C-alpha cells in the first residue's frame, strides 16, 4: 500500500473529508485555504480562497454542489464547489470551530468559541434553494453551552431533530433543535478530556468520538449508548469507521507545541487500525512527521486519507489483499 503524498497547503492540516461519491477529497488548513483533489490519483483540482484566518472545519453537501467552511476570522462561508465562488457568509462574535449541513441541505449549523464577548454557542442557519444563508447575522436557533467549554465538533441527529456536540470538557451533548434544550449529556471515563472529533458511520446508525483521553468510542446514534471503546497510547484527534470492513482508524499524537522536542517514534504520529468488534489494535501506518489531525475513509472503503501538523495529506489506496483477508 503505497501512499500518494499531497502537498497543497503551507501550514498544518485541520480536516480531510471525501464527498459522498468518493471521487473528490477536500482538505482544510491553518493557511486559510481549502483544496480539492481527485481521490483516485491525487491531482489537485483547485483552491478555495477568501478566509483571513485558519480554517478549522469543512463540510460538503449531499450532491457536492456546496462547500461549508468554519474559520478563525469569525466567519462561516458557503461556496460553489464547481466555480470556487463564495455564495454567502455567516458572521459570528468569535472563532467558528465546526460546521455541518443538515439532512436535505436546507439548514446548516455553526459553533463559535468562547471569547470576551461570547460563550460557546451552536447556531442553526436557514439556507435558500441556492445554498445562500437567508441571513448573514440572524440564525433561526441558538443553542447556548456555557459550561462545556469550546465545542470542537458537531453532527446533525436523526431527521434534523437533534444536534450532537463534542466539547473541551469531555462531554457529548445532545440538543433538541426545536426547543433549544439539552436532552442528554454523555461523559465517559474518570478524568474526561476534550472530544476532538465526531464522525458518523456510513449508514449513520452510529458515530465515533475521538478524545484527548487516549480513547475513541462508538455510540449508537439513536440511543446514544456506548457500543465499543478503543484504547490508544496517545491523545487522539480523529477517528473513522470503515464502511466495508470491521475496522476503525484513529490518528493523533503528542501536542503540536511539544513536537520539536521529541522524535517521530516517541511522538506516535502513526494512523492505527483497530478491529471494530474485538477492539484490539491490528497495526499502524507510518509516514507523518507531526500529530495527525484528521482521518477519513472513502465511501467505498477502498482508500483512506490523513492530514497532519506536518502540512501533508497522505492518501492510501488499499491493496486487494486487504479485502481478501480471512482473519479480519
Protein backbone atom coordinates (compact mmCIF):
# COMPACT_ATOMS: atom_id res chain seq x y z
CA UNK A 1 0.00 0.00 0.00
CA UNK A 2 2.00 2.93 -1.30
CA UNK A 3 0.59 6.35 -0.32
CA UNK A 4 0.09 9.35 -2.56
CA UNK A 5 1.66 12.35 -0.84
CA UNK A 6 -0.33 15.56 -1.40
CA UNK A 7 1.26 18.93 -0.76
CA UNK A 8 -1.03 21.88 -1.40
CA UNK A 9 -1.02 23.64 1.96
CA UNK A 10 1.69 25.72 3.58
CA UNK A 11 0.56 25.18 7.18
CA UNK A 12 -0.83 22.28 9.28
CA UNK A 13 -3.92 20.40 8.10
CA UNK A 14 -7.11 20.66 10.11
CA UNK A 15 -9.60 18.46 8.21
CA UNK A 16 -9.74 15.89 5.41
CA UNK A 17 -13.03 14.57 4.01
CA UNK A 18 -14.38 12.76 0.96
CA UNK A 19 -17.55 13.79 -0.81
CA UNK A 20 -20.47 11.34 -0.88
CA UNK A 21 -19.48 9.87 -4.25
CA UNK A 22 -15.89 9.44 -3.12
CA UNK A 23 -14.34 10.90 -6.27
CA UNK A 24 -13.19 14.12 -4.54
CA UNK A 25 -11.12 14.77 -1.43
CA UNK A 26 -11.45 18.12 0.38
CA UNK A 27 -8.76 19.35 2.76
CA UNK A 28 -8.56 22.43 5.01
CA UNK A 29 -5.62 24.04 6.72
CA UNK A 30 -4.42 26.79 9.03
CA UNK A 31 -3.17 28.56 5.88
CA UNK A 32 -6.78 29.84 5.37
CA UNK A 33 -7.47 27.75 2.24
CA UNK A 34 -9.41 24.65 1.25
CA UNK A 35 -8.05 22.40 -1.51
CA UNK A 36 -9.97 19.85 -3.57
CA UNK A 37 -8.28 16.83 -5.14
CA UNK A 38 -9.18 13.87 -7.32
CA UNK A 39 -9.20 10.97 -4.88
CA UNK A 40 -8.03 8.36 -7.39
CA UNK A 41 -4.72 9.97 -8.39
CA UNK A 42 -4.24 12.93 -6.03
CA UNK A 43 -4.43 15.59 -8.75
CA UNK A 44 -5.39 18.96 -7.33
CA UNK A 45 -8.48 20.50 -8.91
CA UNK A 46 -8.49 23.87 -7.20
CA UNK A 47 -8.31 26.02 -4.10
CA UNK A 48 -10.99 28.00 -2.25
CA UNK A 49 -9.59 31.32 -1.03
CA UNK A 50 -11.38 34.06 0.88
CA UNK A 51 -10.95 33.46 4.60
CA UNK A 52 -8.50 35.55 6.60
CA UNK A 53 -7.68 33.00 9.28
CA UNK A 54 -7.18 29.30 9.90
CA UNK A 55 -9.99 27.09 8.59
CA UNK A 56 -10.99 24.64 11.32
CA UNK A 57 -13.75 22.60 9.72
CA UNK A 58 -15.41 21.85 6.38
CA UNK A 59 -18.47 20.03 5.10
CA UNK A 60 -19.77 19.14 1.63
CA UNK A 61 -23.46 18.79 0.87
CA UNK A 62 -25.24 15.71 -0.50
CA UNK A 63 -24.72 16.34 -4.22
CA UNK A 64 -21.30 18.04 -3.88
CA UNK A 65 -22.56 21.39 -5.12
CA UNK A 66 -21.90 23.32 -1.89
CA UNK A 67 -18.92 23.60 0.44
CA UNK A 68 -19.22 24.91 4.01
CA UNK A 69 -16.23 26.29 5.94
CA UNK A 70 -15.53 27.46 9.52
CA UNK A 71 -12.62 29.78 10.22
CA UNK A 72 -10.76 31.89 12.76
CA UNK A 73 -11.85 35.12 11.07
CA UNK A 74 -15.22 34.69 12.83
CA UNK A 75 -16.91 33.74 9.57
CA UNK A 76 -18.58 30.65 8.18
CA UNK A 77 -18.87 30.64 4.41
CA UNK A 78 -20.80 28.71 1.76
CA UNK A 79 -19.02 28.11 -1.56
CA UNK A 80 -19.98 26.88 -5.01
CA UNK A 81 -17.87 23.72 -5.37
CA UNK A 82 -17.62 23.87 -9.16
CA UNK A 83 -16.77 27.56 -9.62
CA UNK A 84 -15.00 28.18 -6.31
CA UNK A 85 -17.02 31.35 -5.75
CA UNK A 86 -18.38 32.38 -2.37
CA UNK A 87 -22.17 32.13 -2.20
CA UNK A 88 -22.74 33.62 1.23
CA UNK A 89 -21.35 34.02 4.72
CA UNK A 90 -22.49 33.93 8.35
CA UNK A 91 -20.92 36.33 10.84
CA UNK A 92 -20.03 35.41 14.44
CA UNK A 93 -18.56 37.11 17.51
CA UNK A 94 -15.72 34.60 17.92
CA UNK A 95 -13.79 31.87 16.10
CA UNK A 96 -16.05 29.40 14.25
CA UNK A 97 -14.89 25.91 15.17
CA UNK A 98 -17.21 23.47 13.38
CA UNK A 99 -19.90 23.41 10.66
CA UNK A 100 -22.29 20.87 9.13
CA UNK A 101 -25.06 20.71 6.54
CA UNK A 102 -28.38 19.28 7.70
CA UNK A 103 -30.02 16.31 6.03
CA UNK A 104 -31.70 17.81 2.96
CA UNK A 105 -29.27 20.77 2.87
CA UNK A 106 -31.95 23.29 3.88
CA UNK A 107 -30.09 24.30 7.04
CA UNK A 108 -26.59 24.31 8.43
CA UNK A 109 -25.07 24.53 11.90
CA UNK A 110 -22.07 26.51 13.10
CA UNK A 111 -20.37 26.60 16.51
CA UNK A 112 -18.45 29.57 17.84
CA UNK A 113 -15.77 29.57 20.54
CA UNK A 114 -15.74 31.45 23.78
CA UNK A 115 -14.30 34.98 23.83
CA UNK A 116 -14.54 38.18 25.85
CA UNK A 117 -17.90 38.94 24.27
CA UNK A 118 -19.36 35.48 23.69
CA UNK A 119 -19.76 31.98 25.13
CA UNK A 120 -19.69 28.65 23.23
CA UNK A 121 -22.84 28.60 21.11
CA UNK A 122 -24.25 26.46 18.32
CA UNK A 123 -26.21 28.37 15.67
CA UNK A 124 -28.68 26.97 13.16
CA UNK A 125 -29.00 28.89 9.88
CA UNK A 126 -31.61 28.68 7.14
CA UNK A 127 -30.36 28.24 3.56
CA UNK A 128 -32.28 29.14 0.40
CA UNK A 129 -32.59 26.82 -2.62
CA UNK A 130 -29.20 28.00 -3.95
CA UNK A 131 -27.46 27.35 -0.64
CA UNK A 132 -27.14 31.00 0.34
CA UNK A 133 -27.83 31.82 4.01
CA UNK A 134 -31.17 33.62 4.30
CA UNK A 135 -29.50 35.94 6.83
CA UNK A 136 -25.81 36.56 7.49
CA UNK A 137 -26.36 37.77 11.04
CA UNK A 138 -29.59 36.24 12.39
CA UNK A 139 -29.67 32.45 12.90
CA UNK A 140 -33.01 30.74 13.34
CA UNK A 141 -31.88 28.96 16.54
CA UNK A 142 -29.11 29.44 19.13
CA UNK A 143 -28.03 26.65 21.47
CA UNK A 144 -26.02 28.15 24.32
CA UNK A 145 -23.49 25.92 26.04
CA UNK A 146 -21.92 27.89 28.89
CA UNK A 147 -20.49 25.01 30.92
CA UNK A 148 -18.91 22.72 28.33
CA UNK A 149 -16.03 24.84 27.06
CA UNK A 150 -15.09 25.06 23.42
CA UNK A 151 -17.23 22.97 21.04
CA UNK A 152 -14.85 21.09 18.74
CA UNK A 153 -17.24 19.03 16.62
CA UNK A 154 -20.98 18.74 15.98
CA UNK A 155 -23.30 16.48 13.97
CA UNK A 156 -26.94 16.64 12.97
CA UNK A 157 -29.02 13.93 14.61
CA UNK A 158 -31.85 11.84 13.23
CA UNK A 159 -34.14 13.78 10.87
CA UNK A 160 -32.51 17.05 11.98
CA UNK A 161 -34.40 16.88 15.27
CA UNK A 162 -31.24 16.92 17.35
CA UNK A 163 -27.64 18.14 17.28
CA UNK A 164 -24.79 16.12 18.82
CA UNK A 165 -21.85 18.22 20.04
CA UNK A 166 -18.45 17.25 21.47
CA UNK A 167 -16.70 19.76 23.72
CA UNK A 168 -13.45 20.57 25.53
CA UNK A 169 -14.71 19.32 28.89
CA UNK A 170 -15.04 15.79 27.50
CA UNK A 171 -18.82 15.85 27.23
CA UNK A 172 -21.05 14.94 24.30
CA UNK A 173 -24.27 16.95 24.47
CA UNK A 174 -27.48 16.12 22.62
CA UNK A 175 -29.60 19.18 21.88
CA UNK A 176 -33.23 19.45 20.81
CA UNK A 177 -33.17 21.79 17.80
CA UNK A 178 -36.79 22.92 18.12
CA UNK A 179 -36.80 23.74 21.84
CA UNK A 180 -33.10 24.58 22.23
CA UNK A 181 -32.86 22.42 25.36
CA UNK A 182 -30.28 19.82 26.35
CA UNK A 183 -31.72 16.30 26.10
CA UNK A 184 -28.73 14.36 27.39
CA UNK A 185 -25.05 14.73 28.29
CA UNK A 186 -22.57 11.86 27.88
CA UNK A 187 -19.33 11.83 29.88
CA UNK A 188 -17.04 8.79 29.79
CA UNK A 189 -14.05 7.99 31.98
CA UNK A 190 -12.94 9.13 35.42
CA UNK A 191 -10.91 12.04 34.06
CA UNK A 192 -12.59 13.15 30.82
CA UNK A 193 -10.64 15.24 28.37
CA UNK A 194 -11.57 17.13 25.20
CA UNK A 195 -13.65 15.48 22.49
CA UNK A 196 -11.69 16.35 19.34
CA UNK A 197 -13.92 14.96 16.59
CA UNK A 198 -17.19 13.17 15.86
CA UNK A 199 -17.78 11.10 12.72
CA UNK A 200 -20.75 9.03 11.59
CA UNK A 201 -20.54 5.55 10.16
CA UNK A 202 -21.66 5.38 6.53
CA UNK A 203 -25.21 4.26 7.41
CA UNK A 204 -25.38 6.87 10.22
CA UNK A 205 -26.53 4.27 12.77
CA UNK A 206 -23.54 5.02 14.99
CA UNK A 207 -20.84 7.62 15.44
CA UNK A 208 -17.29 7.58 16.76
CA UNK A 209 -15.78 10.15 19.10
CA UNK A 210 -12.02 10.74 19.35
CA UNK A 211 -10.80 12.12 22.65
CA UNK A 212 -7.64 13.57 24.19
CA UNK A 213 -8.00 10.94 26.94
CA UNK A 214 -6.40 8.44 24.50
CA UNK A 215 -9.65 6.69 23.66
CA UNK A 216 -12.05 6.50 20.72
CA UNK A 217 -15.61 5.44 21.49
CA UNK A 218 -18.50 4.34 19.31
CA UNK A 219 -22.06 5.28 20.28
CA UNK A 220 -25.47 4.29 18.97
CA UNK A 221 -26.80 7.27 17.00
CA UNK A 222 -30.36 6.91 18.36
CA UNK A 223 -30.00 5.66 21.94
CA UNK A 224 -26.50 7.17 22.50
CA UNK A 225 -25.41 4.03 24.32
CA UNK A 226 -21.69 3.23 24.34
CA UNK A 227 -21.04 0.33 21.96
CA UNK A 228 -17.27 0.00 21.62
CA UNK A 229 -14.17 1.58 23.14
CA UNK A 230 -10.68 1.65 21.62
CA UNK A 231 -7.63 2.48 23.76
CA UNK A 232 -4.56 4.19 22.31
CA UNK A 233 -1.11 5.22 23.54
CA UNK A 234 -1.54 8.88 22.54
CA UNK A 235 -4.11 11.68 22.65
CA UNK A 236 -6.49 11.20 19.71
CA UNK A 237 -7.63 13.93 17.34
CA UNK A 238 -9.72 11.96 14.85
CA UNK A 239 -11.26 8.54 14.22
CA UNK A 240 -13.24 6.94 11.39
CA UNK A 241 -15.24 3.74 10.82
CA UNK A 242 -14.68 1.67 7.66
CA UNK A 243 -17.83 1.32 5.52
CA UNK A 244 -16.91 -2.18 4.28
CA UNK A 245 -14.59 -3.81 6.82
CA UNK A 246 -14.76 -4.33 10.58
CA UNK A 247 -12.04 -1.74 11.03
CA UNK A 248 -11.61 1.60 12.78
CA UNK A 249 -8.73 4.03 12.17
CA UNK A 250 -7.52 6.57 14.72
CA UNK A 251 -4.99 9.38 14.48
CA UNK A 252 -3.44 11.75 16.96
CA UNK A 253 -0.11 12.19 18.65
CA UNK A 254 1.73 14.40 21.02
CA UNK A 255 0.65 18.04 21.34
CA UNK A 256 1.95 20.21 18.50
CA UNK A 257 3.79 22.54 20.89
CA UNK A 258 5.98 19.64 22.05
CA UNK A 259 6.73 18.13 18.64
CA UNK A 260 10.15 19.75 18.20
CA UNK A 261 11.41 18.19 21.43
CA UNK A 262 10.57 14.60 20.57
CA UNK A 263 11.46 12.05 17.90
CA UNK A 264 8.86 10.80 15.42
CA UNK A 265 8.79 7.41 17.12
CA UNK A 266 8.07 8.79 20.58
CA UNK A 267 5.54 11.28 19.25
CA UNK A 268 3.27 8.47 17.94
CA UNK A 269 2.29 10.03 14.64
CA UNK A 270 1.01 6.82 13.05
CA UNK A 271 -2.53 6.01 11.93
CA UNK A 272 -3.64 2.95 13.90
CA UNK A 273 -6.08 0.26 12.75
CA UNK A 274 -8.35 -1.35 15.36
CA UNK A 275 -10.80 -4.22 14.97
CA UNK A 276 -14.34 -2.92 15.21
CA UNK A 277 -15.69 -5.98 17.06
CA UNK A 278 -12.75 -7.14 19.18
CA UNK A 279 -11.38 -3.62 19.76
CA UNK A 280 -7.72 -4.67 19.66
CA UNK A 281 -5.08 -2.80 17.68
CA UNK A 282 -4.23 -4.61 14.43
CA UNK A 283 -1.42 -2.47 13.06
CA UNK A 284 -0.38 1.03 12.08
CA UNK A 285 0.58 3.09 9.04
CA UNK A 286 3.55 5.41 9.49
CA UNK A 287 4.66 8.39 7.46
CA UNK A 288 3.62 11.64 9.10
CA UNK A 289 6.15 13.79 10.96
CA UNK A 290 3.65 15.54 13.21
CA UNK A 291 0.39 14.85 15.05
CA UNK A 292 -2.41 13.52 12.81
CA UNK A 293 -5.31 15.96 13.00
CA UNK A 294 -7.84 14.26 10.72
CA UNK A 295 -8.55 10.83 9.18
CA UNK A 296 -11.30 9.71 6.80
CA UNK A 297 -12.33 6.59 4.87
CA UNK A 298 -13.59 6.92 1.32
CA UNK A 299 -17.30 5.98 0.96
CA UNK A 300 -16.41 2.73 -0.83
CA UNK A 301 -13.86 1.81 1.82
CA UNK A 302 -11.10 1.28 -0.74
CA UNK A 303 -8.92 4.13 0.49
CA UNK A 304 -8.32 6.46 3.41
CA UNK A 305 -6.73 9.87 3.88
CA UNK A 306 -4.94 11.53 6.77
CA UNK A 307 -3.91 15.14 7.37
CA UNK A 308 -1.21 16.21 9.79
CA UNK A 309 0.62 19.00 11.54
CA UNK A 310 3.43 18.45 9.00
CA UNK A 311 1.29 20.06 6.26
CA UNK A 312 0.93 16.90 4.18
CA UNK A 313 -2.06 14.76 3.19
CA UNK A 314 -1.34 11.06 2.80
CA UNK A 315 -3.82 9.29 0.51
CA UNK A 316 -3.69 5.49 0.76
CA UNK A 317 -5.39 3.05 -1.62
CA UNK A 318 -5.71 -0.44 -0.18
CA UNK A 319 -4.23 -3.44 -1.98
CA UNK A 320 -6.54 -6.29 -3.00
CA UNK A 321 -5.06 -8.45 -0.27
CA UNK A 322 -6.54 -6.11 2.33
CA UNK A 323 -10.07 -7.16 1.31
CA UNK A 324 -9.26 -10.86 0.87
CA UNK A 325 -8.02 -11.46 4.40
CA UNK A 326 -9.97 -14.11 6.28
CA UNK A 327 -8.84 -13.12 9.76
CA UNK A 328 -10.48 -9.73 9.87
